[in-house]
N, C-alpha and C. Protein backbone atom coordinates (compact mmCIF):
# COMPACT_ATOMS: atom_id res chain seq x y z
N MET A 1 -4.00 -14.91 -18.91
CA MET A 1 -4.33 -14.19 -17.98
C MET A 1 -5.59 -14.46 -18.01
N SER A 2 -6.11 -15.18 -17.00
CA SER A 2 -7.61 -15.86 -17.20
C SER A 2 -8.62 -14.24 -17.20
N SER A 3 -9.92 -15.16 -17.21
CA SER A 3 -11.06 -13.82 -17.14
C SER A 3 -10.89 -13.40 -15.87
N LEU A 4 -11.47 -13.93 -15.17
CA LEU A 4 -11.23 -13.68 -13.31
C LEU A 4 -10.25 -12.51 -13.36
N ALA A 5 -8.77 -12.94 -13.76
CA ALA A 5 -7.77 -12.14 -13.49
C ALA A 5 -8.15 -10.61 -14.31
N ARG A 6 -8.58 -11.26 -15.30
CA ARG A 6 -8.52 -9.48 -16.44
C ARG A 6 -9.72 -8.99 -15.76
N GLN A 7 -11.19 -9.29 -15.57
CA GLN A 7 -11.73 -8.37 -14.62
C GLN A 7 -11.54 -7.93 -13.13
N LEU A 8 -11.08 -8.68 -12.20
CA LEU A 8 -10.14 -7.61 -11.66
C LEU A 8 -9.17 -6.83 -11.65
N HIS A 9 -8.51 -6.97 -12.80
CA HIS A 9 -8.16 -5.94 -12.95
C HIS A 9 -8.43 -4.50 -13.67
N LYS A 10 -9.48 -4.62 -14.37
CA LYS A 10 -10.03 -3.72 -14.62
C LYS A 10 -11.06 -3.20 -13.57
N LEU A 11 -11.25 -3.96 -12.39
CA LEU A 11 -12.25 -3.02 -11.22
C LEU A 11 -10.98 -2.66 -10.31
N ALA A 12 -9.15 -2.56 -10.59
CA ALA A 12 -8.48 -2.52 -9.92
C ALA A 12 -8.27 -0.88 -9.08
N VAL A 13 -8.49 -0.54 -7.91
CA VAL A 13 -8.25 0.71 -7.44
C VAL A 13 -7.14 1.51 -7.77
N PRO A 14 -6.98 2.46 -8.27
CA PRO A 14 -5.99 3.58 -8.66
C PRO A 14 -4.48 3.34 -7.32
N GLY A 15 -3.36 3.01 -7.90
CA GLY A 15 -2.75 3.20 -6.75
C GLY A 15 -2.67 1.79 -5.62
N GLN A 16 -2.91 0.74 -6.44
CA GLN A 16 -3.33 -0.39 -5.82
C GLN A 16 -1.91 -1.15 -6.65
N SER A 17 -1.03 -1.49 -5.92
CA SER A 17 0.07 -2.22 -6.47
C SER A 17 -0.01 -3.96 -6.70
N VAL A 18 -0.71 -4.47 -6.28
CA VAL A 18 -0.88 -5.62 -5.88
C VAL A 18 -2.04 -6.38 -6.60
N ARG A 19 -1.22 -7.35 -7.77
CA ARG A 19 -2.27 -7.68 -8.90
C ARG A 19 -2.80 -9.18 -8.02
N TYR A 20 -4.11 -9.30 -8.54
CA TYR A 20 -4.71 -10.40 -8.02
C TYR A 20 -4.38 -11.83 -8.33
N ASP A 21 -3.45 -11.99 -9.78
CA ASP A 21 -2.93 -13.21 -10.29
C ASP A 21 -1.53 -13.55 -9.03
N GLU A 22 -0.74 -12.62 -8.82
CA GLU A 22 0.42 -12.68 -8.11
C GLU A 22 0.04 -12.99 -6.80
N LEU A 23 -1.18 -12.81 -5.78
CA LEU A 23 -1.62 -12.41 -4.72
C LEU A 23 -2.39 -14.49 -4.44
N LEU A 24 -2.90 -15.04 -5.67
CA LEU A 24 -3.23 -16.06 -5.74
C LEU A 24 -1.88 -17.52 -5.70
N VAL A 25 -0.77 -16.70 -6.36
CA VAL A 25 0.79 -17.58 -6.58
C VAL A 25 1.68 -17.34 -5.26
N ARG A 26 1.81 -16.10 -4.76
CA ARG A 26 2.64 -16.15 -3.67
C ARG A 26 2.38 -14.78 -2.98
N ARG A 27 3.09 -14.56 -1.95
CA ARG A 27 2.80 -13.58 -0.63
C ARG A 27 4.27 -13.02 -0.27
N HIS A 28 3.91 -11.68 0.11
CA HIS A 28 5.56 -11.70 0.58
C HIS A 28 5.68 -12.06 2.20
N SER A 29 7.05 -12.33 2.32
CA SER A 29 6.89 -13.27 3.66
C SER A 29 8.72 -12.85 3.86
N LEU A 30 8.62 -12.68 5.21
CA LEU A 30 9.69 -12.60 5.67
C LEU A 30 10.58 -13.71 6.48
N LEU A 31 9.49 -14.91 6.88
CA LEU A 31 9.61 -16.06 7.73
C LEU A 31 9.20 -17.26 6.36
N PHE A 32 8.85 -16.88 5.38
CA PHE A 32 8.50 -17.87 4.81
C PHE A 32 8.97 -17.92 3.41
N ASP A 33 8.79 -19.12 2.67
CA ASP A 33 8.98 -18.46 0.86
C ASP A 33 7.88 -18.46 0.89
N ALA A 34 7.56 -17.27 -0.48
CA ALA A 34 6.65 -16.70 -1.33
C ALA A 34 5.14 -18.34 -1.43
N ARG A 35 5.52 -18.83 -1.85
CA ARG A 35 4.52 -20.28 -2.41
C ARG A 35 3.88 -20.78 -0.65
N GLU A 36 4.84 -20.64 0.14
CA GLU A 36 4.39 -21.33 1.40
C GLU A 36 3.37 -20.28 2.39
N ALA A 37 4.45 -18.79 2.20
CA ALA A 37 3.04 -18.09 2.77
C ALA A 37 2.33 -17.99 2.14
N ALA A 38 1.62 -18.00 0.92
CA ALA A 38 0.49 -17.89 0.20
C ALA A 38 -0.34 -19.08 0.80
N GLU A 39 -0.08 -20.36 1.61
CA GLU A 39 -0.91 -21.25 2.10
C GLU A 39 -1.13 -21.07 3.67
N VAL A 40 -0.45 -20.14 3.98
CA VAL A 40 -0.45 -19.73 5.51
C VAL A 40 -1.56 -18.70 5.71
N SER A 41 -3.01 -18.75 6.35
CA SER A 41 -3.72 -18.32 6.81
C SER A 41 -3.70 -16.94 7.59
N ASN A 42 -4.59 -15.76 7.70
CA ASN A 42 -4.06 -14.50 8.42
C ASN A 42 -4.10 -14.70 9.75
N THR A 43 -4.97 -15.56 9.81
CA THR A 43 -5.30 -16.23 11.73
C THR A 43 -3.89 -16.65 12.30
N SER A 44 -3.15 -17.91 11.51
CA SER A 44 -1.85 -18.42 11.78
C SER A 44 -1.14 -17.71 11.43
N ILE A 45 -0.85 -16.46 11.10
CA ILE A 45 0.09 -15.18 11.12
C ILE A 45 0.06 -14.35 12.09
N LEU A 46 -1.39 -14.03 12.87
CA LEU A 46 -1.53 -13.34 13.46
C LEU A 46 -1.81 -14.02 15.10
N SER A 47 -1.76 -15.47 14.80
CA SER A 47 -1.53 -16.02 15.96
C SER A 47 -0.01 -16.12 16.43
N LEU A 48 0.68 -16.16 15.58
CA LEU A 48 2.02 -16.37 15.31
C LEU A 48 2.66 -14.85 15.91
N ALA A 49 2.50 -14.29 15.44
CA ALA A 49 2.72 -12.63 16.01
C ALA A 49 2.57 -11.98 17.62
N LEU A 50 1.26 -12.56 17.83
CA LEU A 50 0.90 -12.48 18.83
C LEU A 50 1.55 -13.22 20.32
N ASN A 51 2.11 -14.53 19.54
CA ASN A 51 3.23 -15.02 20.52
C ASN A 51 4.57 -14.12 20.91
N GLY A 52 4.76 -13.83 19.75
CA GLY A 52 5.83 -12.74 19.73
C GLY A 52 5.70 -11.78 20.02
N LEU A 53 5.03 -10.89 19.94
CA LEU A 53 4.41 -9.74 20.46
C LEU A 53 4.40 -10.32 22.49
N ASP A 54 4.02 -11.18 22.91
CA ASP A 54 4.24 -11.72 24.36
C ASP A 54 5.23 -11.84 24.77
N GLU A 55 5.94 -12.78 24.07
CA GLU A 55 7.61 -12.66 24.51
C GLU A 55 8.09 -10.90 24.27
N LEU A 56 8.16 -10.43 23.16
CA LEU A 56 8.63 -9.04 23.37
C LEU A 56 8.12 -8.16 24.88
N GLN A 57 6.85 -8.55 25.37
CA GLN A 57 6.50 -7.97 26.36
C GLN A 57 6.96 -8.73 27.61
N SER A 58 7.57 -9.48 27.33
CA SER A 58 8.39 -9.98 28.99
C SER A 58 9.46 -9.62 28.99
N ILE A 59 10.02 -8.51 27.83
CA ILE A 59 11.60 -8.07 27.83
C ILE A 59 11.16 -6.40 27.74
N ASP A 60 10.37 -6.12 27.74
CA ASP A 60 9.78 -4.54 27.72
C ASP A 60 8.45 -4.49 27.35
N LEU A 61 7.53 -4.61 28.86
CA LEU A 61 6.48 -4.73 28.50
C LEU A 61 5.67 -3.15 28.12
N GLU A 62 6.53 -1.93 28.89
CA GLU A 62 6.26 -0.44 28.56
C GLU A 62 6.45 -0.46 26.87
N ALA A 63 7.14 -0.59 26.53
CA ALA A 63 7.14 -0.28 25.36
C ALA A 63 6.18 -1.29 24.07
N PHE A 64 5.76 -2.21 24.37
CA PHE A 64 5.46 -2.89 23.52
C PHE A 64 3.53 -3.30 23.72
N GLU A 65 3.07 -2.98 24.89
CA GLU A 65 1.76 -3.17 25.69
C GLU A 65 0.78 -2.39 25.02
N GLN A 66 1.05 -0.86 24.44
CA GLN A 66 0.04 -0.11 23.84
C GLN A 66 -0.62 -1.02 22.45
N PHE A 67 0.37 -1.58 21.21
CA PHE A 67 0.39 -2.44 20.30
C PHE A 67 -1.05 -3.31 20.30
N GLU A 68 -0.73 -4.15 21.70
CA GLU A 68 -1.75 -5.38 21.57
C GLU A 68 -3.62 -4.85 21.11
N GLN A 69 -3.75 -3.54 21.17
CA GLN A 69 -4.93 -3.75 21.35
C GLN A 69 -5.13 -3.15 19.88
N SER A 70 -4.22 -2.58 19.18
CA SER A 70 -4.27 -1.98 17.59
C SER A 70 -3.78 -2.63 16.53
N ILE A 71 -2.64 -2.72 16.74
CA ILE A 71 -1.97 -2.93 14.92
C ILE A 71 -2.10 -4.73 15.06
N PHE A 72 -2.11 -5.52 16.51
CA PHE A 72 -2.60 -6.96 16.84
C PHE A 72 -4.11 -7.51 17.40
N SER A 73 -4.37 -6.43 16.90
CA SER A 73 -6.02 -6.97 17.66
C SER A 73 -6.80 -8.30 16.87
N GLU A 74 -7.45 -8.49 17.55
CA GLU A 74 -8.57 -9.95 16.08
C GLU A 74 -9.31 -8.92 15.19
N GLU A 75 -9.59 -7.68 15.66
CA GLU A 75 -10.08 -7.02 14.30
C GLU A 75 -8.94 -6.60 13.03
N SER A 76 -7.88 -6.48 13.63
CA SER A 76 -6.91 -6.18 12.51
C SER A 76 -6.75 -7.56 11.07
N LYS A 77 -7.24 -8.85 11.51
CA LYS A 77 -7.19 -9.37 10.83
C LYS A 77 -8.29 -9.07 9.44
N THR A 78 -9.30 -8.24 10.06
CA THR A 78 -10.32 -8.11 8.76
C THR A 78 -9.97 -6.85 8.35
N PHE A 79 -8.62 -6.31 8.80
CA PHE A 79 -8.60 -4.55 8.23
C PHE A 79 -7.99 -4.56 6.66
N GLN A 80 -9.01 -3.75 6.34
CA GLN A 80 -8.34 -3.55 4.35
C GLN A 80 -7.74 -2.42 4.36
N ARG A 81 -6.57 -1.91 4.27
CA ARG A 81 -6.12 -0.44 3.97
C ARG A 81 -6.72 0.66 2.97
N LEU A 82 -7.45 -0.38 1.91
CA LEU A 82 -7.75 0.58 1.07
C LEU A 82 -8.91 0.91 0.74
N GLN A 83 -9.44 0.66 1.91
CA GLN A 83 -10.75 1.18 2.00
C GLN A 83 -10.99 2.01 3.10
N GLN A 84 -9.93 2.19 4.25
CA GLN A 84 -10.21 3.41 4.80
C GLN A 84 -10.06 4.59 4.14
N THR A 85 -10.60 5.57 5.39
CA THR A 85 -10.27 6.74 5.21
C THR A 85 -8.71 7.67 5.12
N ARG A 86 -8.67 8.84 4.82
CA ARG A 86 -7.08 9.23 4.79
C ARG A 86 -6.72 9.20 6.55
N ASP A 87 -7.63 10.01 7.17
CA ASP A 87 -7.25 10.00 8.61
C ASP A 87 -7.00 9.08 9.17
N VAL A 88 -7.86 7.53 9.10
CA VAL A 88 -7.41 6.46 9.49
C VAL A 88 -6.17 6.13 8.95
N VAL A 89 -5.69 6.21 7.91
CA VAL A 89 -4.47 5.25 7.18
C VAL A 89 -3.24 5.91 7.79
N ARG A 90 -3.89 7.59 7.97
CA ARG A 90 -2.31 8.28 8.60
C ARG A 90 -2.28 8.02 10.19
N SER A 91 -3.42 7.65 10.95
CA SER A 91 -3.49 7.42 12.15
C SER A 91 -2.53 5.87 12.47
N LEU A 92 -2.86 4.65 11.56
CA LEU A 92 -1.93 4.02 11.56
C LEU A 92 -0.60 3.67 11.03
N ASP A 93 -0.87 4.60 9.92
CA ASP A 93 0.97 4.58 9.76
C ASP A 93 1.90 5.55 11.14
N ASP A 94 1.63 6.38 11.63
CA ASP A 94 1.65 6.63 13.01
C ASP A 94 1.82 5.39 14.07
N THR A 95 1.51 4.25 14.10
CA THR A 95 0.86 3.63 14.94
C THR A 95 2.36 2.46 14.32
N LEU A 96 2.18 2.71 13.32
CA LEU A 96 3.09 1.27 12.91
C LEU A 96 4.68 1.86 12.78
N GLU A 97 4.73 2.74 12.38
CA GLU A 97 6.10 3.82 12.41
C GLU A 97 6.51 4.02 14.04
N ARG A 98 5.67 3.90 14.99
CA ARG A 98 5.93 4.07 16.63
C ARG A 98 6.58 2.41 16.93
N PHE A 99 5.60 1.96 16.22
CA PHE A 99 5.70 0.16 16.52
C PHE A 99 7.71 -0.33 16.50
N LEU A 100 7.77 0.37 14.74
CA LEU A 100 8.98 -0.19 14.03
C LEU A 100 10.40 1.09 15.19
N ARG A 101 9.68 1.64 15.44
CA ARG A 101 10.88 2.39 15.96
C ARG A 101 11.17 1.68 17.31
N ARG A 102 10.44 1.20 18.16
CA ARG A 102 10.35 0.62 19.63
C ARG A 102 11.38 -0.93 19.27
N LEU A 103 10.38 -1.35 17.96
CA LEU A 103 11.02 -2.91 17.70
C LEU A 103 12.80 -3.03 17.40
N SER A 104 13.32 -2.17 16.98
CA SER A 104 14.27 -1.64 16.22
C SER A 104 15.36 -2.22 17.58
N PRO A 105 15.94 -1.86 18.36
CA PRO A 105 16.59 -2.78 19.13
C PRO A 105 16.47 -3.75 19.50
N TYR A 106 15.51 -4.67 19.54
CA TYR A 106 15.08 -6.26 19.33
C TYR A 106 14.96 -7.06 18.09
N VAL A 107 15.12 -6.10 16.59
CA VAL A 107 14.64 -6.82 15.58
C VAL A 107 15.48 -8.03 15.43
N LEU A 108 16.22 -8.29 15.64
CA LEU A 108 17.53 -9.28 15.66
C LEU A 108 16.38 -10.72 16.48
N LEU A 109 15.62 -10.91 17.39
CA LEU A 109 15.59 -11.54 17.93
C LEU A 109 14.28 -12.06 17.32
N LYS A 110 14.16 -13.75 17.50
CA LYS A 110 12.98 -14.11 16.82
C LYS A 110 11.51 -13.62 16.77
N PRO A 111 10.77 -13.10 18.41
CA PRO A 111 9.55 -12.90 18.52
C PRO A 111 9.65 -11.34 17.79
N ALA A 112 10.79 -10.62 17.27
CA ALA A 112 10.54 -9.48 16.65
C ALA A 112 10.00 -10.01 15.21
N HIS A 113 10.95 -10.99 14.11
CA HIS A 113 10.22 -11.37 13.19
C HIS A 113 8.77 -11.82 13.25
N LYS A 114 8.54 -12.31 14.21
CA LYS A 114 7.08 -13.13 14.17
C LYS A 114 6.31 -11.66 14.36
N CYS A 115 6.66 -10.94 14.56
CA CYS A 115 5.74 -9.28 14.56
C CYS A 115 5.83 -8.91 13.29
N LEU A 116 6.89 -8.54 12.66
CA LEU A 116 6.87 -8.12 11.09
C LEU A 116 6.32 -8.81 10.38
N GLU A 117 6.18 -10.13 10.46
CA GLU A 117 5.72 -11.08 9.38
C GLU A 117 4.22 -10.64 9.29
N TRP A 118 3.60 -10.19 10.70
CA TRP A 118 2.11 -9.47 10.38
C TRP A 118 1.95 -8.49 10.13
N LEU A 119 2.79 -7.69 10.48
CA LEU A 119 2.97 -6.03 9.76
C LEU A 119 2.92 -6.41 8.28
N ILE A 120 3.66 -7.08 7.41
CA ILE A 120 3.99 -7.01 6.19
C ILE A 120 3.04 -7.74 5.54
N ARG A 121 1.61 -9.00 6.35
CA ARG A 121 1.19 -9.33 6.12
C ARG A 121 -0.47 -8.35 5.93
N ALA A 122 -0.40 -8.17 7.05
CA ALA A 122 -1.97 -7.31 7.21
C ALA A 122 -1.85 -5.61 7.05
N TYR A 123 -0.65 -5.31 7.05
CA TYR A 123 -0.38 -3.80 6.76
C TYR A 123 0.47 -3.21 5.43
N ASN A 124 1.15 -4.36 4.58
CA ASN A 124 2.05 -3.80 3.76
C ASN A 124 2.74 -2.95 4.38
N VAL A 125 3.44 -3.47 5.22
CA VAL A 125 4.83 -2.15 5.58
C VAL A 125 5.75 -1.89 4.88
N HIS A 126 6.14 -3.22 4.26
CA HIS A 126 7.32 -3.35 2.97
C HIS A 126 6.98 -2.23 2.00
N GLN A 127 5.82 -2.30 1.48
CA GLN A 127 5.12 -1.33 0.63
C GLN A 127 4.94 -0.27 0.78
N CYS A 128 4.35 0.16 2.20
CA CYS A 128 3.39 1.19 2.53
C CYS A 128 4.23 2.37 3.20
N ASN A 129 5.36 1.69 4.35
CA ASN A 129 5.72 1.65 5.33
C ASN A 129 7.12 1.68 4.88
N ALA A 130 8.03 1.69 4.14
CA ALA A 130 9.57 1.04 3.83
C ALA A 130 10.19 1.83 4.51
N ASP A 131 9.82 3.05 4.15
CA ASP A 131 11.12 4.04 5.35
C ASP A 131 11.22 3.77 6.45
N ALA A 132 10.30 3.65 7.40
CA ALA A 132 9.93 3.27 8.76
C ALA A 132 10.75 2.04 8.67
N LEU A 133 10.65 0.91 7.51
CA LEU A 133 10.84 -0.36 7.77
C LEU A 133 12.38 -0.52 7.72
N ILE A 134 12.56 0.04 6.88
CA ILE A 134 14.16 0.40 7.06
C ILE A 134 15.24 1.22 8.11
N GLU A 135 14.32 2.07 8.59
CA GLU A 135 14.30 2.91 9.89
C GLU A 135 14.66 1.94 10.91
N CYS A 136 13.69 0.43 10.91
CA CYS A 136 14.01 -0.42 12.04
C CYS A 136 15.29 -1.09 11.81
N VAL A 137 15.49 -1.60 10.92
CA VAL A 137 16.71 -2.62 10.62
C VAL A 137 17.82 -2.22 9.98
N LEU A 138 17.91 -0.50 9.68
CA LEU A 138 19.15 -0.15 9.08
C LEU A 138 20.40 -0.50 10.03
N PRO A 139 20.52 -0.36 11.58
CA PRO A 139 21.23 -0.55 12.48
C PRO A 139 21.95 -1.78 12.29
N HIS A 140 21.64 -2.62 11.76
CA HIS A 140 21.57 -4.00 11.68
C HIS A 140 22.27 -4.62 10.29
N HIS A 141 22.33 -3.69 9.53
CA HIS A 141 22.95 -3.69 7.92
C HIS A 141 23.46 -4.63 7.47
N GLU A 142 24.00 -5.12 8.55
CA GLU A 142 25.34 -6.18 8.11
C GLU A 142 24.98 -7.53 8.38
N THR A 143 23.60 -7.56 8.50
CA THR A 143 22.70 -9.03 8.81
C THR A 143 21.92 -9.30 7.55
N ASN A 144 21.78 -10.89 7.93
CA ASN A 144 21.20 -11.22 6.99
C ASN A 144 19.84 -11.19 7.18
N LEU A 145 18.98 -11.04 8.52
CA LEU A 145 17.79 -10.01 8.12
C LEU A 145 17.30 -8.50 7.40
N PHE A 146 18.78 -8.03 6.93
CA PHE A 146 18.23 -6.53 6.66
C PHE A 146 18.27 -6.97 4.95
N ALA A 147 18.99 -7.64 4.95
CA ALA A 147 19.26 -8.28 3.49
C ALA A 147 17.71 -8.82 2.73
N ARG A 148 17.31 -9.76 3.66
CA ARG A 148 15.51 -10.28 3.48
C ARG A 148 14.56 -8.98 3.31
N VAL A 149 14.79 -8.11 4.76
CA VAL A 149 13.63 -6.75 4.54
C VAL A 149 14.10 -6.04 3.19
N VAL A 150 15.31 -6.26 2.79
CA VAL A 150 15.54 -5.09 1.32
C VAL A 150 14.84 -5.69 0.35
N GLN A 151 15.00 -7.29 0.25
CA GLN A 151 14.12 -8.01 -0.66
C GLN A 151 12.83 -8.08 -0.97
N LEU A 152 12.40 -7.40 0.00
CA LEU A 152 10.72 -7.20 0.16
C LEU A 152 10.14 -6.28 -0.29
N LEU A 153 11.39 -4.97 -0.30
CA LEU A 153 10.80 -3.62 -0.98
C LEU A 153 10.79 -3.67 -1.89
N PRO A 154 10.03 -2.79 -2.59
CA PRO A 154 9.54 -2.38 -4.01
C PRO A 154 10.35 -1.35 -4.65
N LEU A 155 11.63 -1.66 -4.60
CA LEU A 155 12.82 -1.26 -4.98
C LEU A 155 12.83 -0.66 -6.53
N ARG A 156 12.44 -1.86 -7.40
CA ARG A 156 12.69 -1.71 -8.87
C ARG A 156 11.07 -0.82 -9.81
N ASP A 157 10.35 -1.14 -8.83
CA ASP A 157 9.16 -0.78 -9.61
C ASP A 157 8.30 0.57 -9.21
N GLU A 158 8.84 1.65 -9.76
CA GLU A 158 8.34 3.18 -9.84
C GLU A 158 6.85 3.10 -9.60
N SER A 159 6.07 2.21 -9.92
CA SER A 159 4.84 2.56 -9.99
C SER A 159 3.84 1.45 -8.80
N SER A 160 4.79 1.29 -7.87
CA SER A 160 4.32 0.76 -6.36
C SER A 160 4.17 2.01 -5.59
N ARG A 161 2.92 2.21 -5.75
CA ARG A 161 2.30 2.86 -4.38
C ARG A 161 0.96 2.48 -3.65
N CYS A 162 1.07 3.26 -2.75
CA CYS A 162 -0.01 2.74 -1.65
C CYS A 162 -1.23 3.75 -1.65
N TYR A 163 -1.98 3.34 -0.80
CA TYR A 163 -3.30 3.77 -1.04
C TYR A 163 -3.27 5.51 -0.36
N THR A 164 -2.05 5.46 0.63
CA THR A 164 -1.12 7.19 1.29
C THR A 164 -1.15 8.24 0.15
N ASP A 165 -0.21 7.29 -0.82
CA ASP A 165 0.26 8.22 -1.80
C ASP A 165 -1.01 8.90 -2.97
N VAL A 166 -2.26 8.23 -2.56
CA VAL A 166 -3.17 9.05 -3.34
C VAL A 166 -3.56 10.31 -2.62
N TYR A 167 -3.42 10.02 -1.51
CA TYR A 167 -3.87 11.57 -0.88
C TYR A 167 -2.85 12.48 -0.55
N MET A 168 -1.37 12.17 -1.23
CA MET A 168 -0.49 13.22 -0.94
C MET A 168 -0.46 14.34 -1.97
């Protein structure tokens, strides 16, 4: 472990499950392998997600329009879940759960995958909203997508906790 990694490890926020050295090497992703995902910027992923959201809105505008100015906003690129208050995180979780419920009928479509990629990158839904994510893809349990989503979940590590768990 490098000196910087050791220093960051000492400064780690309680409940934070992502290690600094892990972030340098790989990122969780639905669309890319871990090393590719580490090279793709948040701006690129958000742009990809906005393209997917536009495509979903062309299918069902009413279901997805409300999320464009919240979880897919330009400001979401700099959102840091661990630095938010309990109320902000709970509101975010409610919004993410509503989005995932609405996404479920369309989750096999490529535009949905683009949106999920952003939710994984920006909000760690695979860790912090795993129940809602599974609920979203469970109707499609016989697909490759379901298997890929399950591979993202921190099922083996009981110490993986999100910021919201600290408040519970």
